[in-house]
């Protein structure tokens, strides 16, 4: 990692954040949700990372909860699990045990190591579930922006050995019933700002990047046919609206179970608004709809 690369990515992330024009969500606790913050885990190479767990405290003792794993966004070059806390609390208030994962960011690592961070975190979640009353047959994923990209590929890795080989890391042992993906940064190599300026930093330029090249398009059969039912959310003010619309179109063409929710043209419904602006009524509606989608897929 050179100083020039770090400077380029820092400026790109700062520009991304400025485009959102919003105040950080409240970090106030929500009644009925117990929090377990910064629980340590290690990836497969021993790198220490942390997760937050949000536990519904209002359920009767012994009642089994479904599990939702959250992966934060940030363009793969920034962001943190802390930005998702308010959203995670609200989802936990629906009765889910919500586990929010950390992962390292580019350029400190490439995307391959990010997949390992996420998959290792999911396996740690699996080991932690014995400490809670959960239904291990009902495990879901929620994610926004670049987190949606990581979630999509992590889910596909559980069934695709070819994708595992290209990424170079083992998949998680968990299996997912459904996903809710918000403002997904699904396409990373198109001839746009992300593909031109950021993709070389995501994938590098070596034998590993050559092996991964054909899988950078999420429409590849090894990805699109190996994901669980997915609920997709976007809006007109979402800077990657086109990504979600195109991906939903391809899911429809291939007969993959999904549901697309377009939230309209209100300018305040920015990219990944359910997570970045979780107290909006529209964000509450999205959380309700994700909850309903998950309940359809028990």
Protein backbone atom coordinates (compact mmCIF):
# COMPACT_ATOMS: atom_id res chain seq x y z
CA UNK A 1 0.00 0.00 0.00
CA UNK A 2 1.54 3.29 -1.11
CA UNK A 3 0.89 6.81 0.15
CA UNK A 4 -0.56 7.83 -3.21
CA UNK A 5 -3.06 4.97 -3.20
CA UNK A 6 -4.11 5.79 0.35
CA UNK A 7 -4.57 9.46 -0.54
CA UNK A 8 -6.66 8.66 -3.61
CA UNK A 9 -8.97 6.36 -1.68
CA UNK A 10 -9.24 8.79 1.24
CA UNK A 11 -10.35 11.55 -1.12
CA UNK A 12 -12.80 9.20 -2.84
CA UNK A 13 -14.36 8.25 0.47
CA UNK A 14 -14.57 11.85 1.67
CA UNK A 15 -16.32 12.77 -1.57
CA UNK A 16 -18.74 9.90 -1.12
CA UNK A 17 -19.61 10.99 2.41
CA UNK A 18 -20.11 14.63 1.36
CA UNK A 19 -22.60 13.56 -1.29
CA UNK A 20 -24.94 12.15 1.37
CA UNK A 21 -25.67 15.48 3.14
CA UNK A 22 -27.00 13.97 6.36
CA UNK A 23 -26.37 14.00 10.08
CA UNK A 24 -25.12 10.75 11.67
CA UNK A 25 -27.99 8.68 13.11
CA UNK A 26 -28.64 8.81 16.83
CA UNK A 27 -26.57 6.47 18.96
CA UNK A 28 -29.20 6.43 21.72
CA UNK A 29 -30.26 2.98 22.93
CA UNK A 30 -33.73 1.66 22.12
CA UNK A 31 -35.94 0.23 24.85
CA UNK A 32 -36.20 -3.53 24.68
CA UNK A 33 -32.82 -4.06 23.01
CA UNK A 34 -29.77 -5.27 24.92
CA UNK A 35 -26.39 -4.52 23.32
CA UNK A 36 -23.16 -6.51 23.36
CA UNK A 37 -20.52 -4.34 21.73
CA UNK A 38 -17.10 -5.04 20.26
CA UNK A 39 -17.04 -8.79 20.70
CA UNK A 40 -13.68 -9.99 19.39
CA UNK A 41 -13.20 -12.61 16.73
CA UNK A 42 -10.38 -13.55 14.35
CA UNK A 43 -10.33 -14.19 10.65
CA UNK A 44 -8.63 -17.31 9.27
CA UNK A 45 -5.19 -15.67 9.43
CA UNK A 46 -5.58 -14.59 13.04
CA UNK A 47 -6.41 -10.92 12.42
CA UNK A 48 -8.49 -9.55 15.30
CA UNK A 49 -11.84 -7.98 14.42
CA UNK A 50 -15.00 -7.16 16.36
CA UNK A 51 -18.77 -7.45 16.08
CA UNK A 52 -21.77 -5.94 17.85
CA UNK A 53 -24.78 -8.04 18.89
CA UNK A 54 -28.22 -6.55 19.46
CA UNK A 55 -30.51 -8.79 21.48
CA UNK A 56 -34.27 -8.32 21.96
CA UNK A 57 -34.76 -8.27 25.73
CA UNK A 58 -38.57 -8.18 25.65
CA UNK A 59 -39.13 -11.75 24.42
CA UNK A 60 -40.22 -14.47 26.87
CA UNK A 61 -37.35 -16.62 28.10
CA UNK A 62 -36.88 -19.63 25.86
CA UNK A 63 -38.56 -18.12 22.82
CA UNK A 64 -36.32 -18.76 19.83
CA UNK A 65 -35.29 -15.72 17.80
CA UNK A 66 -34.37 -15.56 14.13
CA UNK A 67 -30.87 -14.23 13.40
CA UNK A 68 -29.93 -11.35 11.09
CA UNK A 69 -26.32 -10.68 10.15
CA UNK A 70 -25.59 -7.07 9.18
CA UNK A 71 -22.75 -5.95 6.91
CA UNK A 72 -22.09 -2.21 6.75
CA UNK A 73 -21.28 -0.21 3.62
CA UNK A 74 -18.67 2.40 2.75
CA UNK A 75 -17.61 1.65 -0.81
CA UNK A 76 -15.17 -1.03 0.47
CA UNK A 77 -12.83 1.88 1.26
CA UNK A 78 -14.47 3.22 4.42
CA UNK A 79 -17.43 2.91 6.75
CA UNK A 80 -17.80 1.05 10.02
CA UNK A 81 -20.28 -1.10 11.89
CA UNK A 82 -20.93 1.87 14.19
CA UNK A 83 -22.83 3.63 11.39
CA UNK A 84 -25.35 0.75 11.35
CA UNK A 85 -26.11 0.63 15.06
CA UNK A 86 -29.40 2.53 14.99
CA UNK A 87 -30.65 0.41 12.09
CA UNK A 88 -29.58 -2.78 13.90
CA UNK A 89 -31.40 -1.72 17.06
CA UNK A 90 -34.59 -1.16 15.09
CA UNK A 91 -34.34 -4.56 13.44
CA UNK A 92 -33.65 -6.19 16.81
CA UNK A 93 -36.82 -4.51 18.09
CA UNK A 94 -38.67 -6.67 15.54
CA UNK A 95 -37.46 -9.74 17.42
CA UNK A 96 -34.20 -10.59 15.63
CA UNK A 97 -30.84 -11.30 17.20
CA UNK A 98 -28.80 -8.92 15.04
CA UNK A 99 -25.05 -9.45 14.63
CA UNK A 100 -23.18 -6.57 12.96
CA UNK A 101 -19.75 -7.40 11.55
CA UNK A 102 -16.54 -5.45 11.09
CA UNK A 103 -14.14 -5.94 8.17
CA UNK A 104 -10.91 -4.33 7.06
CA UNK A 105 -10.98 -1.76 4.28
CA UNK A 106 -9.14 -1.18 1.01
CA UNK A 107 -6.23 -0.38 0.52
CA UNK A 108 -5.09 -2.08 3.73
CA UNK A 109 -6.43 -5.26 2.15
CA UNK A 110 -8.00 -6.29 -1.14
CA UNK A 111 -11.54 -7.49 -1.51
CA UNK A 112 -10.46 -11.13 -1.10
CA UNK A 113 -9.43 -10.50 2.49
CA UNK A 114 -12.69 -8.62 3.08
CA UNK A 115 -14.58 -11.74 2.07
CA UNK A 116 -12.55 -13.72 4.58
CA UNK A 117 -13.19 -11.17 7.34
CA UNK A 118 -16.94 -11.38 6.70
CA UNK A 119 -17.09 -15.18 6.33
CA UNK A 120 -14.97 -15.70 9.45
CA UNK A 121 -17.23 -13.27 11.30
CA UNK A 122 -20.27 -15.27 10.23
CA UNK A 123 -18.68 -18.45 11.56
CA UNK A 124 -18.01 -16.65 14.83
CA UNK A 125 -21.69 -15.71 14.92
CA UNK A 126 -22.49 -19.41 14.51
CA UNK A 127 -20.36 -20.24 17.55
CA UNK A 128 -21.92 -17.41 19.60
CA UNK A 129 -25.49 -18.54 18.92
CA UNK A 130 -25.28 -21.15 21.68
CA UNK A 131 -25.32 -18.23 24.15
CA UNK A 132 -28.78 -17.12 22.97
CA UNK A 133 -32.21 -18.61 22.39
CA UNK A 134 -32.23 -18.70 18.59
CA UNK A 135 -33.72 -20.71 15.77
CA UNK A 136 -30.62 -21.74 13.79
CA UNK A 137 -32.79 -22.64 10.80
CA UNK A 138 -33.75 -18.98 10.37
CA UNK A 139 -30.62 -17.00 9.56
CA UNK A 140 -30.78 -13.95 7.29
CA UNK A 141 -28.51 -11.19 5.99
CA UNK A 142 -29.08 -7.44 5.78
CA UNK A 143 -26.59 -5.10 4.16
CA UNK A 144 -26.25 -1.77 2.41
CA UNK A 145 -24.05 -0.36 -0.32
CA UNK A 146 -20.68 -2.16 -0.46
CA UNK A 147 -21.89 -4.40 2.36
CA UNK A 148 -24.59 -5.66 0.00
CA UNK A 149 -21.87 -6.60 -2.50
CA UNK A 150 -19.98 -8.53 0.19
CA UNK A 151 -23.20 -10.19 1.40
CA UNK A 152 -24.16 -11.26 -2.12
CA UNK A 153 -20.83 -12.93 -2.79
CA UNK A 154 -20.57 -14.44 0.70
CA UNK A 155 -23.96 -16.09 0.17
CA UNK A 156 -22.99 -17.38 -3.29
CA UNK A 157 -19.70 -18.76 -1.94
CA UNK A 158 -21.61 -21.19 0.28
CA UNK A 159 -22.73 -23.10 -2.84
CA UNK A 160 -20.15 -22.29 -5.53
CA UNK A 161 -16.80 -24.04 -5.36
CA UNK A 162 -15.65 -22.14 -8.45
CA UNK A 163 -16.26 -18.81 -6.72
CA UNK A 164 -14.47 -20.08 -3.60
CA UNK A 165 -11.42 -20.97 -5.70
CA UNK A 166 -11.35 -17.56 -7.39
CA UNK A 167 -11.61 -15.69 -4.09
CA UNK A 168 -9.14 -18.01 -2.38
CA UNK A 169 -10.89 -18.32 0.97
CA UNK A 170 -13.35 -20.75 2.50
CA UNK A 171 -17.03 -19.82 2.73
CA UNK A 172 -18.98 -19.46 5.93
CA UNK A 173 -20.62 -22.56 7.35
CA UNK A 174 -23.87 -20.67 7.89
CA UNK A 175 -26.77 -20.97 5.47
CA UNK A 176 -29.17 -18.14 4.79
CA UNK A 177 -32.91 -18.23 4.17
CA UNK A 178 -33.14 -14.76 2.60
CA UNK A 179 -31.42 -11.37 2.28
CA UNK A 180 -32.44 -7.71 2.42
CA UNK A 181 -30.02 -5.55 0.40
CA UNK A 182 -30.28 -1.74 0.37
CA UNK A 183 -28.66 0.44 -2.29
CA UNK A 184 -26.31 -2.37 -3.29
CA UNK A 185 -22.96 -1.56 -4.89
CA UNK A 186 -23.31 -4.72 -6.96
CA UNK A 187 -21.29 -3.74 -10.05
CA UNK A 188 -17.66 -2.89 -9.36
CA UNK A 189 -16.06 -2.97 -12.81
CA UNK A 190 -18.37 -0.98 -15.05
CA UNK A 191 -16.93 2.00 -16.98
CA UNK A 192 -18.09 4.48 -14.34
CA UNK A 193 -16.43 6.20 -11.38
CA UNK A 194 -16.38 3.04 -9.29
CA UNK A 195 -15.12 0.76 -12.03
CA UNK A 196 -12.53 3.15 -13.46
CA UNK A 197 -11.11 4.70 -10.30
CA UNK A 198 -11.76 2.19 -7.51
CA UNK A 199 -11.89 -1.32 -8.99
CA UNK A 200 -8.08 -1.54 -9.51
CA UNK A 201 -7.68 -0.92 -5.78
CA UNK A 202 -10.37 -3.48 -4.90
CA UNK A 203 -8.89 -6.36 -6.91
CA UNK A 204 -5.25 -5.48 -7.55
CA UNK A 205 -3.38 -6.51 -10.68
CA UNK A 206 -1.97 -10.00 -10.25
CA UNK A 207 -2.82 -13.67 -10.80
CA UNK A 208 -5.56 -13.50 -8.18
CA UNK A 209 -7.27 -10.60 -9.94
CA UNK A 210 -7.14 -12.56 -13.22
CA UNK A 211 -8.82 -15.54 -11.57
CA UNK A 212 -11.51 -13.27 -10.13
CA UNK A 213 -12.09 -11.24 -13.32
CA UNK A 214 -15.07 -13.18 -14.68
CA UNK A 215 -16.80 -13.15 -11.30
CA UNK A 216 -16.72 -9.37 -10.78
CA UNK A 217 -20.03 -9.22 -12.66
CA UNK A 218 -22.74 -10.36 -10.20
CA UNK A 219 -24.78 -11.68 -13.10
CA UNK A 220 -22.31 -14.55 -13.49
CA UNK A 221 -24.21 -17.87 -13.13
CA UNK A 222 -21.96 -18.94 -10.23
CA UNK A 223 -23.33 -15.99 -8.28
CA UNK A 224 -26.85 -15.37 -9.48
CA UNK A 225 -27.93 -19.04 -9.23
CA UNK A 226 -26.40 -19.54 -5.79
CA UNK A 227 -28.05 -16.84 -3.69
CA UNK A 228 -31.11 -17.08 -1.43
CA UNK A 229 -34.29 -15.06 -2.11
CA UNK A 230 -33.36 -11.38 -2.05
CA UNK A 231 -35.30 -8.22 -1.25
CA UNK A 232 -33.81 -5.18 -3.02
CA UNK A 233 -34.34 -1.55 -2.00
CA UNK A 234 -33.41 1.61 -3.89
CA UNK A 235 -34.69 5.11 -4.66
CA UNK A 236 -34.28 7.81 -7.28
CA UNK A 237 -31.78 9.69 -5.08
CA UNK A 238 -29.69 6.56 -4.61
CA UNK A 239 -26.42 7.21 -6.43
CA UNK A 240 -26.28 3.54 -7.49
CA UNK A 241 -29.98 3.19 -8.26
CA UNK A 242 -29.11 1.78 -11.70
CA UNK A 243 -27.16 -1.07 -10.10
CA UNK A 244 -30.18 -2.31 -8.17
CA UNK A 245 -32.55 -1.90 -11.12
CA UNK A 246 -30.20 -3.77 -13.45
CA UNK A 247 -29.52 -6.54 -10.97
CA UNK A 248 -33.24 -6.97 -10.24
CA UNK A 249 -33.88 -7.13 -13.98
CA UNK A 250 -31.34 -9.92 -14.41
CA UNK A 251 -32.78 -11.82 -11.42
CA UNK A 252 -36.16 -11.60 -13.15
CA UNK A 253 -34.71 -12.79 -16.46
CA UNK A 254 -33.15 -15.80 -14.75
CA UNK A 255 -36.21 -16.65 -12.65
CA UNK A 256 -34.44 -16.03 -9.33
CA UNK A 257 -36.79 -15.29 -6.44
CA UNK A 258 -36.59 -11.64 -5.49
CA UNK A 259 -38.61 -8.53 -4.78
CA UNK A 260 -37.70 -5.00 -5.85
CA UNK A 261 -38.86 -2.05 -3.74
CA UNK A 262 -38.30 1.34 -5.34
CA UNK A 263 -39.04 4.10 -2.82
CA UNK A 264 -39.75 6.84 -5.34
CA UNK A 265 -38.21 10.21 -6.17
CA UNK A 266 -38.13 11.97 -2.80
CA UNK A 267 -34.71 13.67 -2.72
CA UNK A 268 -34.21 13.01 0.97
CA UNK A 269 -34.21 9.23 0.38
CA UNK A 270 -30.52 9.12 -0.41
CA UNK A 271 -28.26 6.16 -1.01
CA UNK A 272 -28.71 3.51 1.72
CA UNK A 273 -31.17 5.77 3.55
CA UNK A 274 -32.69 3.00 5.75
CA UNK A 275 -29.30 2.66 7.49
CA UNK A 276 -28.00 6.23 7.21
CA UNK A 277 -31.37 7.79 8.12
CA UNK A 278 -33.09 5.04 10.11
CA UNK A 279 -35.58 7.33 11.89
CA UNK A 280 -37.33 8.41 8.70
CA UNK A 281 -40.86 6.97 8.32
CA UNK A 282 -39.77 5.57 4.96
CA UNK A 283 -36.86 3.79 6.66
CA UNK A 284 -39.22 2.31 9.23
CA UNK A 285 -41.36 1.07 6.33
CA UNK A 286 -38.35 -0.59 4.72
CA UNK A 287 -37.48 -2.36 7.98
CA UNK A 288 -41.09 -3.55 8.24
CA UNK A 289 -40.93 -4.87 4.69
CA UNK A 290 -37.61 -6.64 5.25
CA UNK A 291 -39.13 -8.24 8.35
CA UNK A 292 -42.15 -9.37 6.30
CA UNK A 293 -39.86 -10.77 3.57
CA UNK A 294 -37.90 -12.76 6.13
CA UNK A 295 -41.12 -14.09 7.68
CA UNK A 296 -42.14 -15.34 4.22
CA UNK A 297 -38.91 -17.37 4.09
CA UNK A 298 -38.76 -19.33 7.33
